Amino acid sequence: MTIRPESTVSTVQMPSTVAQRTPATVTTGTPDVLRWTGFGGAVLLTAGAWATRAVPVALGAAIAGAGLVVLTWALLGRARPDATWLRRTLALWCGPLLVAPPLFSADVFSYLAQGEVAARGLDPNVVSPAAGASAEAVARVGVYWRETPSPYGPLFSTVERAIAQVTGGDPVLGIALYRLVAVLGLLLVVWAVPRLAEMAGTSERTALWLGVLNPLVLWHLIGGVHNDALMLGLMLSGTVVALHALDDLRWWQLTAGVVLIGLGAQVKLPALVALAVVGTALARRLGGGVVRFVGAGLGMVAAAVGVSVVTSLAGGAGFGWVQALGTPSKVNSWMAPTNWPGFLAGAVFGRETGQAMISSARIAGLVLILCGIAVVLNLQLRGRVSQVTALGMMMSVIVVLGPVIQPWYLLWAALPLAACLPVGKWRTRVAVLVGVFALLVPPLAGNFAGRVPELVLAYVLGIALVGGAYFVLRRVPVAVQN
């Protein structure tokens, strides 16, 4: 393994007082200890998930495994191994999760049911699983989504239908194929993030550690099998291709990048933000100014519409997805700050008042999102922020002020931010936020209502095991570089 220095040392002889400050040689094997401890955590998480409902012991084991991964990931931020080492560690930690049951969320069962609806020739964006899927498929879907049509774009609806047709309704094979799609998306992310860091002038190693190896990627893109992996992979790789094309105005390469971003938006709509970044970068490359900005923006809109039409027609999904864009907001997410005033009003004045407040706050949140995007694009157009920083800032605004927040939504902002944030307080804050969100929900997908004592006992067991591991690991020398 290679440990890359932060800076080179001058060949000029230094005074003895300075030389005395040179840190002593430290153990370089420590990152390997952390790597294998994290792998043990991933194995423990997977084993606890498979020991289904042998709770609270199994749940405690799963929580301990998740905690070990978060702990070792945080300590690796100090050890600073090189990029190749981090990629290999990512593959190692993903290994056990590839054979785990769905973790942290049961959304993949919604994908299976929606695919079954599509395979029957119905539009999953119009027909809910309860109305168009088999009773067996519907029984596995979370209660909130059984009566709800799919909110996803036509590209993902095509993927859902294809998987349903291949598997014939077999949930085990279906989950395996969705995991394969997630892995493909993650590979695109692993390819794109270091290149975005290079554009932003930050460390490739830091970008991989904070953006790709982080527990939210492991939990929700691989363990939870979320389609955000495909959306992020297409969006980020398309951004890299398009921005690289601007150096010499290679129009075919620029078009390819724009198409990739457009395809990402046909999985989940927030990927369109990357087109705003590319359009603004194009306007700057052509000389800047409002006229070029508007022209480039209209070009991006036309490209997005074109990709959408082709995807909808070629995949046979149709255009029902347009009317389903507001589906996720039908559930009042307790993590979304825009919903908090409504929850408070509901507790004081009643449910109807609370829901009215939530609706009003969501409209205000949407207005603030549009204003925030306008401000960031203006800063980018004037050269005050880089393209990668602009993408991270706009995604942050969308996540924080959106009507729904799920732990994996944080990745929309964390990945571009990891590629542009230098060492400092903001990078530390993002890392802390990732660690907190990684432990915010129980590892085993399911409803724990009525099982609170069981959940508390499991967390006590898990915290005790992780605390013991930390007590041991803190006595192992950590290869910290200045």
Protein backbone atom coordinates (compact mmCIF):
# COMPACT_ATOMS: atom_id res chain seq x y z
CA MET A 1 0.00 0.00 0.00
CA THR A 2 1.18 3.52 -0.75
CA ILE A 3 0.76 6.52 1.52
CA ARG A 4 0.99 9.69 -0.53
CA PRO A 5 2.54 12.74 1.11
CA GLU A 6 0.68 16.01 1.24
CA SER A 7 3.75 17.94 0.16
CA THR A 8 7.32 17.38 -0.84
CA VAL A 9 10.25 18.22 1.46
CA SER A 10 12.88 20.62 0.20
CA THR A 11 16.37 19.30 -0.32
CA VAL A 12 17.78 22.39 1.43
CA GLN A 13 19.14 21.48 4.88
CA MET A 14 16.74 22.68 7.56
CA PRO A 15 17.77 24.06 10.93
CA SER A 16 17.93 21.54 13.73
CA THR A 17 15.03 23.16 15.55
CA VAL A 18 12.79 22.45 12.58
CA ALA A 19 14.15 18.98 12.04
CA GLN A 20 13.28 18.10 15.62
CA ARG A 21 9.63 18.72 14.81
CA THR A 22 9.61 16.05 12.11
CA PRO A 23 7.16 13.35 13.28
CA ALA A 24 8.50 9.94 14.07
CA THR A 25 7.90 7.09 11.68
CA VAL A 26 4.47 5.60 12.19
CA THR A 27 3.05 2.20 11.43
CA THR A 28 1.93 2.09 7.81
CA GLY A 29 0.02 -1.12 8.32
CA THR A 30 -2.72 0.60 10.31
CA PRO A 31 -4.96 1.35 7.30
CA ASP A 32 -4.97 -2.38 6.58
CA VAL A 33 -6.19 -3.01 10.13
CA LEU A 34 -9.01 -0.53 9.51
CA ARG A 35 -9.77 -2.06 6.13
CA TRP A 36 -10.27 -5.53 7.59
CA THR A 37 -12.17 -4.21 10.60
CA GLY A 38 -14.55 -2.48 8.20
CA PHE A 39 -14.87 -5.68 6.19
CA GLY A 40 -15.72 -7.52 9.42
CA GLY A 41 -18.39 -4.90 10.06
CA ALA A 42 -19.89 -5.47 6.60
CA VAL A 43 -19.91 -9.23 7.22
CA LEU A 44 -21.54 -8.74 10.64
CA LEU A 45 -24.17 -6.45 9.12
CA THR A 46 -24.96 -9.01 6.42
CA ALA A 47 -25.07 -11.89 8.90
CA GLY A 48 -27.38 -9.96 11.21
CA ALA A 49 -29.68 -9.15 8.30
CA TRP A 50 -29.87 -12.81 7.26
CA ALA A 51 -30.59 -13.96 10.81
CA THR A 52 -34.02 -12.56 10.14
CA ARG A 53 -36.12 -11.66 13.07
CA ALA A 54 -33.88 -13.46 15.56
CA VAL A 55 -34.04 -10.18 17.36
CA PRO A 56 -32.78 -8.27 19.23
CA VAL A 57 -29.52 -10.23 18.88
CA ALA A 58 -29.58 -10.22 15.07
CA LEU A 59 -30.58 -6.57 14.92
CA GLY A 60 -27.90 -5.73 17.48
CA ALA A 61 -25.32 -7.54 15.34
CA ALA A 62 -26.44 -5.65 12.25
CA ILE A 63 -26.26 -2.32 14.11
CA ALA A 64 -22.81 -3.20 15.43
CA GLY A 65 -21.66 -4.09 11.92
CA ALA A 66 -22.94 -0.80 10.55
CA GLY A 67 -21.27 1.07 13.39
CA LEU A 68 -17.95 -0.67 12.76
CA VAL A 69 -17.99 0.36 9.11
CA VAL A 70 -18.79 3.98 10.00
CA LEU A 71 -16.08 3.99 12.67
CA THR A 72 -13.36 2.57 10.44
CA TRP A 73 -14.39 4.85 7.57
CA ALA A 74 -14.01 7.88 9.85
CA LEU A 75 -10.59 6.72 11.04
CA LEU A 76 -9.47 6.15 7.45
CA GLY A 77 -10.07 9.85 6.89
CA ARG A 78 -7.05 10.41 9.15
CA ALA A 79 -4.94 7.57 7.76
CA ARG A 80 -5.17 8.89 4.17
CA PRO A 81 -4.31 5.84 2.06
CA ASP A 82 -3.95 6.31 -1.66
CA ALA A 83 -6.68 6.19 -4.31
CA THR A 84 -5.98 2.67 -5.55
CA TRP A 85 -6.07 1.33 -2.00
CA LEU A 86 -9.42 3.06 -1.41
CA ARG A 87 -10.94 1.55 -4.56
CA ARG A 88 -9.88 -1.92 -3.48
CA THR A 89 -11.29 -1.31 -0.01
CA LEU A 90 -14.59 -0.22 -1.55
CA ALA A 91 -14.76 -3.48 -3.51
CA LEU A 92 -13.93 -5.47 -0.37
CA TRP A 93 -16.56 -3.76 1.77
CA CYS A 94 -19.19 -4.08 -0.96
CA GLY A 95 -18.59 -7.84 -1.25
CA PRO A 96 -20.71 -8.99 1.73
CA LEU A 97 -23.44 -6.46 0.94
CA LEU A 98 -23.90 -7.93 -2.54
CA VAL A 99 -25.35 -11.07 -0.96
CA ALA A 100 -27.30 -9.33 1.81
CA PRO A 101 -31.09 -9.04 1.82
CA PRO A 102 -32.33 -5.49 1.10
CA LEU A 103 -30.97 -3.22 3.82
CA PHE A 104 -32.31 -0.02 5.40
CA SER A 105 -35.24 0.16 2.96
CA ALA A 106 -37.70 -2.09 1.15
CA ASP A 107 -37.93 0.13 -1.94
CA VAL A 108 -36.55 -2.62 -4.18
CA PHE A 109 -39.77 -4.56 -3.61
CA SER A 110 -41.64 -1.55 -5.01
CA TYR A 111 -39.39 -1.76 -8.08
CA LEU A 112 -40.28 -5.45 -8.47
CA ALA A 113 -44.00 -4.76 -8.23
CA GLN A 114 -43.83 -1.79 -10.60
CA GLY A 115 -41.91 -3.92 -13.07
CA GLU A 116 -44.62 -6.54 -12.89
CA VAL A 117 -47.21 -3.85 -13.67
CA ALA A 118 -45.14 -2.75 -16.69
CA ALA A 119 -44.60 -6.34 -17.86
CA ARG A 120 -48.38 -6.76 -17.99
CA GLY A 121 -48.61 -3.91 -20.48
CA LEU A 122 -49.83 -1.32 -17.99
CA ASP A 123 -48.25 2.05 -17.19
CA PRO A 124 -46.63 1.85 -13.70
CA ASN A 125 -46.70 5.64 -13.51
CA VAL A 126 -50.49 5.49 -13.66
CA VAL A 127 -51.38 2.06 -12.24
CA SER A 128 -50.31 1.30 -8.66
CA PRO A 129 -48.89 -2.08 -7.58
CA ALA A 130 -52.12 -2.83 -5.71
CA ALA A 131 -54.10 -2.41 -8.94
CA GLY A 132 -51.73 -4.06 -11.41
CA ALA A 133 -49.35 -6.50 -9.69
CA SER A 134 -49.81 -9.95 -8.18
CA ALA A 135 -50.87 -10.36 -4.56
CA GLU A 136 -47.46 -11.87 -3.73
CA ALA A 137 -45.62 -8.86 -5.15
CA VAL A 138 -47.94 -6.38 -3.46
CA ALA A 139 -47.51 -8.06 -0.07
CA ARG A 140 -43.79 -7.32 -0.14
CA VAL A 141 -44.27 -3.61 -0.93
CA GLY A 142 -44.27 -1.10 1.93
CA VAL A 143 -47.73 -0.03 3.01
CA TYR A 144 -47.12 3.58 1.94
CA TRP A 145 -46.42 2.63 -1.68
CA ARG A 146 -48.92 -0.15 -2.44
CA GLU A 147 -51.56 2.26 -3.69
CA THR A 148 -49.06 4.68 -5.21
CA PRO A 149 -47.95 4.69 -8.88
CA SER A 150 -44.25 4.77 -9.71
CA PRO A 151 -42.62 8.23 -9.49
CA TYR A 152 -39.64 7.27 -11.64
CA GLY A 153 -38.72 8.28 -15.15
CA PRO A 154 -39.17 6.25 -18.35
CA LEU A 155 -35.62 4.87 -18.42
CA PHE A 156 -36.04 3.21 -15.04
CA SER A 157 -39.54 2.01 -15.94
CA THR A 158 -37.96 0.28 -18.94
CA VAL A 159 -35.37 -1.33 -16.65
CA GLU A 160 -38.15 -2.46 -14.29
CA ARG A 161 -40.12 -4.05 -17.10
CA ALA A 162 -37.05 -5.81 -18.53
CA ILE A 163 -36.12 -7.28 -15.14
CA ALA A 164 -39.69 -8.45 -14.54
CA GLN A 165 -39.76 -10.16 -17.93
CA VAL A 166 -36.41 -11.87 -17.35
CA THR A 167 -37.15 -13.06 -13.82
CA GLY A 168 -40.78 -14.03 -14.29
CA GLY A 169 -41.60 -12.56 -10.89
CA ASP A 170 -38.83 -14.37 -8.93
CA PRO A 171 -37.93 -11.84 -6.17
CA VAL A 172 -34.48 -13.30 -5.41
CA LEU A 173 -33.35 -13.13 -9.02
CA GLY A 174 -35.00 -9.73 -9.36
CA ILE A 175 -33.08 -8.29 -6.39
CA ALA A 176 -29.85 -9.74 -7.81
CA LEU A 177 -30.45 -7.99 -11.15
CA TYR A 178 -31.30 -4.69 -9.48
CA ARG A 179 -28.06 -5.02 -7.50
CA LEU A 180 -26.23 -5.52 -10.78
CA VAL A 181 -27.75 -2.27 -12.08
CA ALA A 182 -26.68 -0.55 -8.83
CA VAL A 183 -23.12 -1.86 -9.22
CA LEU A 184 -22.97 -0.55 -12.78
CA GLY A 185 -24.11 2.85 -11.52
CA LEU A 186 -21.53 2.76 -8.73
CA LEU A 187 -18.76 1.96 -11.22
CA LEU A 188 -19.70 5.10 -13.14
CA VAL A 189 -19.57 7.08 -9.89
CA VAL A 190 -16.13 5.66 -9.05
CA TRP A 191 -14.94 6.67 -12.52
CA ALA A 192 -16.43 10.16 -12.39
CA VAL A 193 -15.71 11.45 -8.88
CA PRO A 194 -11.87 11.54 -9.14
CA ARG A 195 -12.15 13.33 -12.49
CA LEU A 196 -14.49 15.91 -10.99
CA ALA A 197 -11.94 16.37 -8.19
CA GLU A 198 -9.23 16.96 -10.77
CA MET A 199 -11.38 19.65 -12.40
CA ALA A 200 -11.96 21.29 -9.02
CA GLY A 201 -8.27 21.07 -8.06
CA THR A 202 -8.82 18.88 -5.00
CA SER A 203 -7.39 15.57 -3.87
CA GLU A 204 -8.49 12.42 -5.69
CA ARG A 205 -7.92 10.47 -2.50
CA THR A 206 -10.13 12.76 -0.44
CA ALA A 207 -12.88 12.67 -3.06
CA LEU A 208 -12.88 8.86 -3.08
CA TRP A 209 -12.86 8.61 0.71
CA LEU A 210 -15.63 11.14 1.35
CA GLY A 211 -17.63 10.62 -1.80
CA VAL A 212 -17.41 6.95 -2.76
CA LEU A 213 -16.27 4.88 0.22
CA ASN A 214 -18.68 6.60 2.59
CA PRO A 215 -21.25 4.41 4.39
CA LEU A 216 -24.27 5.96 2.66
CA VAL A 217 -22.99 4.62 -0.66
CA LEU A 218 -22.54 1.15 0.85
CA TRP A 219 -25.84 1.12 2.70
CA HIS A 220 -28.18 2.61 0.14
CA LEU A 221 -26.70 2.15 -3.31
CA ILE A 222 -25.53 -1.44 -2.77
CA GLY A 223 -27.26 -2.69 0.39
CA GLY A 224 -30.53 -0.86 -0.23
CA VAL A 225 -30.43 -1.32 -4.02
CA HIS A 226 -31.71 2.19 -4.72
CA ASN A 227 -32.01 3.47 -8.26
CA ASP A 228 -30.12 6.59 -7.14
CA ALA A 229 -26.98 4.59 -8.05
CA LEU A 230 -27.97 4.61 -11.72
CA MET A 231 -29.13 8.22 -11.61
CA LEU A 232 -25.92 9.45 -9.96
CA GLY A 233 -23.68 7.35 -12.18
CA LEU A 234 -25.22 8.71 -15.37
CA MET A 235 -25.38 12.28 -14.08
CA LEU A 236 -21.79 12.48 -12.80
CA SER A 237 -20.20 10.64 -15.72
CA GLY A 238 -22.16 12.78 -18.16
CA THR A 239 -20.98 15.90 -16.34
CA VAL A 240 -17.35 14.79 -16.66
CA VAL A 241 -17.69 14.01 -20.37
CA ALA A 242 -19.48 17.28 -21.13
CA LEU A 243 -17.14 19.55 -19.15
CA HIS A 244 -14.06 17.93 -20.65
CA ALA A 245 -15.50 18.57 -24.10
CA LEU A 246 -15.66 22.31 -23.44
CA ASP A 247 -11.86 22.67 -23.41
CA ASP A 248 -11.67 22.36 -27.19
CA LEU A 249 -15.40 22.65 -27.91
CA ARG A 250 -15.73 19.05 -29.04
CA TRP A 251 -19.42 19.16 -29.87
CA TRP A 252 -19.99 15.43 -30.28
CA GLN A 253 -18.41 14.72 -26.91
CA LEU A 254 -20.43 17.55 -25.37
CA THR A 255 -23.59 16.04 -26.85
CA ALA A 256 -22.70 12.62 -25.46
CA GLY A 257 -22.26 14.09 -21.99
CA VAL A 258 -25.56 15.95 -22.20
CA VAL A 259 -27.33 12.76 -23.31
CA LEU A 260 -25.89 10.84 -20.34
CA ILE A 261 -27.12 13.51 -17.95
CA GLY A 262 -30.51 13.47 -19.67
CA LEU A 263 -30.69 9.70 -19.21
CA GLY A 264 -29.92 10.15 -15.52
CA ALA A 265 -32.88 12.52 -15.31
CA GLN A 266 -35.03 9.79 -16.86
CA VAL A 267 -34.34 7.78 -13.73
CA LYS A 268 -34.84 10.66 -11.26
CA LEU A 269 -35.51 14.25 -12.26
CA PRO A 270 -32.97 16.06 -9.98
CA ALA A 271 -30.17 14.97 -12.35
CA LEU A 272 -31.31 17.83 -14.62
CA VAL A 273 -29.41 20.21 -12.34
CA ALA A 274 -26.20 18.99 -13.97
CA LEU A 275 -27.49 20.28 -17.33
CA ALA A 276 -27.79 23.75 -15.80
CA VAL A 277 -24.14 23.49 -14.74
CA VAL A 278 -23.03 22.34 -18.19
CA GLY A 279 -25.10 25.02 -19.93
CA THR A 280 -23.61 27.76 -17.77
CA ALA A 281 -20.09 26.42 -18.37
CA LEU A 282 -20.79 26.44 -22.12
CA ALA A 283 -21.99 30.04 -21.94
CA ARG A 284 -18.77 31.05 -20.17
CA ARG A 285 -16.68 29.16 -22.73
CA LEU A 286 -18.41 31.07 -25.54
CA GLY A 287 -17.69 34.42 -23.92
CA GLY A 288 -20.25 34.79 -21.14
CA GLY A 289 -23.06 37.30 -20.90
CA VAL A 290 -26.81 36.99 -20.51
CA VAL A 291 -27.51 36.28 -24.19
CA ARG A 292 -25.11 33.33 -24.35
CA PHE A 293 -26.36 32.09 -20.98
CA VAL A 294 -29.97 32.09 -22.19
CA GLY A 295 -29.00 30.50 -25.50
CA ALA A 296 -27.03 27.72 -23.82
CA GLY A 297 -29.85 27.21 -21.35
CA LEU A 298 -32.40 26.81 -24.12
CA GLY A 299 -30.09 24.32 -25.78
CA MET A 300 -29.93 22.27 -22.59
CA VAL A 301 -33.72 22.36 -22.24
CA ALA A 302 -34.13 21.20 -25.84
CA ALA A 303 -31.65 18.37 -25.25
CA ALA A 304 -33.45 17.27 -22.09
CA VAL A 305 -36.80 17.24 -23.86
CA GLY A 306 -35.34 15.31 -26.78
CA VAL A 307 -33.79 12.65 -24.55
CA SER A 308 -37.06 12.38 -22.64
CA VAL A 309 -39.16 11.90 -25.76
CA VAL A 310 -36.82 9.32 -27.26
CA THR A 311 -36.53 7.40 -23.99
CA SER A 312 -40.28 7.42 -23.41
CA LEU A 313 -41.09 6.20 -26.92
CA ALA A 314 -38.19 3.79 -27.46
CA GLY A 315 -38.68 2.08 -24.12
CA GLY A 316 -42.44 1.91 -24.49
CA ALA A 317 -42.95 3.58 -21.12
CA GLY A 318 -45.02 6.44 -22.49
CA PHE A 319 -45.44 9.82 -20.84
CA GLY A 320 -47.41 8.85 -17.73
CA TRP A 321 -44.34 9.62 -15.63
CA VAL A 322 -44.97 13.37 -16.10
CA GLN A 323 -48.11 13.30 -13.98
CA ALA A 324 -46.42 11.12 -11.35
CA LEU A 325 -43.59 13.54 -10.53
CA GLY A 326 -45.24 14.63 -7.28
CA THR A 327 -45.78 11.10 -6.00
CA PRO A 328 -42.94 11.02 -3.41
CA SER A 329 -44.27 14.12 -1.66
CA LYS A 330 -47.49 12.30 -0.76
CA VAL A 331 -45.63 10.96 2.28
CA ASN A 332 -44.78 13.55 4.93
CA SER A 333 -41.06 12.98 5.48
CA TRP A 334 -40.02 13.75 9.05
CA MET A 335 -36.45 14.51 7.90
CA ALA A 336 -37.47 17.36 5.58
CA PRO A 337 -37.13 20.78 7.28
CA THR A 338 -39.97 22.17 5.17
CA ASN A 339 -42.32 19.77 6.94
CA TRP A 340 -41.30 20.67 10.49
CA PRO A 341 -43.54 23.77 10.86
CA GLY A 342 -46.50 21.64 9.76
CA PHE A 343 -45.69 18.90 12.28
CA LEU A 344 -45.54 21.53 15.03
CA ALA A 345 -48.78 23.17 13.90
CA GLY A 346 -50.46 19.77 13.69
CA ALA A 347 -49.44 18.90 17.23
CA VAL A 348 -50.87 22.18 18.53
CA PHE A 349 -53.86 22.92 16.30
CA GLY A 350 -54.80 19.58 14.77
CA ARG A 351 -54.05 17.44 11.73
CA GLU A 352 -55.84 19.56 9.10
CA THR A 353 -54.00 22.71 10.15
CA GLY A 354 -50.73 20.83 10.18
CA GLN A 355 -51.24 19.47 6.65
CA ALA A 356 -52.16 22.93 5.38
CA MET A 357 -48.98 24.29 6.92
CA ILE A 358 -46.92 21.49 5.30
CA SER A 359 -48.39 22.30 1.88
CA SER A 360 -47.63 26.01 2.29
CA ALA A 361 -44.10 25.34 3.51
CA ARG A 362 -43.44 23.06 0.53
CA ILE A 363 -44.43 25.82 -1.87
CA ALA A 364 -42.11 28.19 -0.02
CA GLY A 365 -39.37 25.56 -0.21
CA LEU A 366 -39.81 25.25 -3.98
CA VAL A 367 -39.56 29.03 -4.40
CA LEU A 368 -36.39 29.07 -2.29
CA ILE A 369 -34.93 26.22 -4.35
CA LEU A 370 -35.48 28.16 -7.57
CA CYS A 371 -33.98 31.28 -6.03
CA GLY A 372 -31.00 29.33 -4.72
CA ILE A 373 -30.35 27.76 -8.10
CA ALA A 374 -30.53 31.18 -9.77
CA VAL A 375 -28.00 32.60 -7.29
CA VAL A 376 -25.56 29.71 -7.75
CA LEU A 377 -25.79 29.84 -11.56
CA ASN A 378 -25.10 33.57 -11.44
CA LEU A 379 -22.00 32.90 -9.32
CA GLN A 380 -20.86 30.22 -11.75
CA LEU A 381 -21.46 32.45 -14.78
CA ARG A 382 -19.33 35.16 -13.20
CA GLY A 383 -16.58 32.68 -12.34
CA ARG A 384 -17.05 32.98 -8.59
CA VAL A 385 -17.54 29.24 -8.12
CA SER A 386 -16.37 26.25 -10.16
CA GLN A 387 -18.69 23.97 -12.11
CA VAL A 388 -18.29 21.14 -9.59
CA THR A 389 -18.91 23.46 -6.65
CA ALA A 390 -22.02 24.82 -8.36
CA LEU A 391 -23.37 21.30 -8.80
CA GLY A 392 -22.76 20.48 -5.14
CA MET A 393 -24.33 23.73 -3.95
CA MET A 394 -27.48 23.36 -6.06
CA MET A 395 -27.94 19.74 -5.08
CA SER A 396 -27.56 20.76 -1.43
CA VAL A 397 -30.32 23.35 -1.82
CA ILE A 398 -32.61 20.77 -3.44
CA VAL A 399 -31.99 18.19 -0.71
CA VAL A 400 -32.39 20.57 2.23
CA LEU A 401 -35.45 22.45 0.94
CA GLY A 402 -37.16 19.61 -0.91
CA PRO A 403 -40.47 18.12 0.27
CA VAL A 404 -38.93 14.73 1.03
CA ILE A 405 -35.57 13.74 2.48
CA GLN A 406 -34.31 10.18 2.68
CA PRO A 407 -30.81 9.30 3.98
CA TRP A 408 -29.66 8.34 0.49
CA TYR A 409 -30.77 11.70 -0.93
CA LEU A 410 -27.78 13.17 0.88
CA LEU A 411 -25.59 11.49 -1.74
CA TRP A 412 -26.97 13.81 -4.42
CA ALA A 413 -25.02 16.62 -2.75
CA ALA A 414 -22.28 14.68 -0.94
CA LEU A 415 -20.73 13.20 -4.09
CA PRO A 416 -20.08 16.51 -5.94
CA LEU A 417 -19.16 18.23 -2.66
CA ALA A 418 -16.61 15.50 -1.94
CA ALA A 419 -15.02 16.28 -5.29
CA CYS A 420 -14.68 20.03 -4.66
CA LEU A 421 -14.29 20.63 -0.90
CA PRO A 422 -10.70 21.14 0.27
CA VAL A 423 -9.46 20.08 3.68
CA GLY A 424 -11.24 22.25 6.24
CA LYS A 425 -14.36 22.74 8.29
CA TRP A 426 -16.86 22.27 5.45
CA ARG A 427 -15.42 18.92 4.45
CA THR A 428 -15.50 17.88 8.10
CA ARG A 429 -19.13 18.96 8.41
CA VAL A 430 -20.13 16.92 5.37
CA ALA A 431 -18.28 13.89 6.77
CA VAL A 432 -20.05 14.25 10.13
CA LEU A 433 -23.41 14.58 8.39
CA VAL A 434 -22.72 11.43 6.37
CA GLY A 435 -21.81 9.52 9.54
CA VAL A 436 -24.95 10.66 11.34
CA PHE A 437 -27.27 9.84 8.43
CA ALA A 438 -25.59 6.46 8.04
CA LEU A 439 -26.79 5.49 11.52
CA LEU A 440 -30.10 7.33 11.49
CA VAL A 441 -32.33 4.40 10.53
CA PRO A 442 -32.17 0.70 11.55
CA PRO A 443 -30.21 -1.55 9.17
CA LEU A 444 -32.98 -4.08 8.68
CA ALA A 445 -35.67 -2.89 6.29
CA GLY A 446 -39.10 -2.99 7.87
CA ASN A 447 -41.56 -1.32 10.18
CA PHE A 448 -40.47 -1.21 13.82
CA ALA A 449 -43.70 0.31 15.14
CA GLY A 450 -44.65 -1.52 18.32
CA ARG A 451 -41.15 -2.95 18.66
CA VAL A 452 -39.45 0.01 20.30
CA PRO A 453 -38.08 -1.89 23.35
CA GLU A 454 -36.59 -4.48 21.00
CA LEU A 455 -35.02 -1.71 18.91
CA VAL A 456 -33.60 0.05 21.97
CA LEU A 457 -32.04 -3.16 23.29
CA ALA A 458 -30.52 -3.89 19.90
CA TYR A 459 -28.96 -0.42 19.75
CA VAL A 460 -27.56 -0.86 23.26
CA LEU A 461 -25.91 -4.12 22.18
CA GLY A 462 -24.61 -2.61 18.97
CA ILE A 463 -23.23 0.52 20.65
CA ALA A 464 -21.49 -1.60 23.27
CA LEU A 465 -19.75 -3.69 20.61
CA VAL A 466 -18.69 -0.63 18.59
CA GLY A 467 -17.49 1.12 21.75
CA GLY A 468 -15.30 -1.88 22.54
CA ALA A 469 -13.91 -1.88 19.01
CA TYR A 470 -13.09 1.82 19.26
CA PHE A 471 -11.31 1.25 22.58
CA VAL A 472 -9.08 -1.29 20.82
CA LEU A 473 -8.57 0.65 17.58
CA ARG A 474 -7.59 3.89 19.30
CA ARG A 475 -4.59 2.07 20.78
CA VAL A 476 -3.36 1.09 17.34
CA PRO A 477 -1.01 3.73 15.82
CA VAL A 478 -2.71 5.63 13.02
CA ALA A 479 -0.65 6.73 10.03
CA VAL A 480 -1.48 10.44 10.09
CA GLN A 481 0.31 12.73 7.65
CA ASN A 482 0.86 16.45 7.93
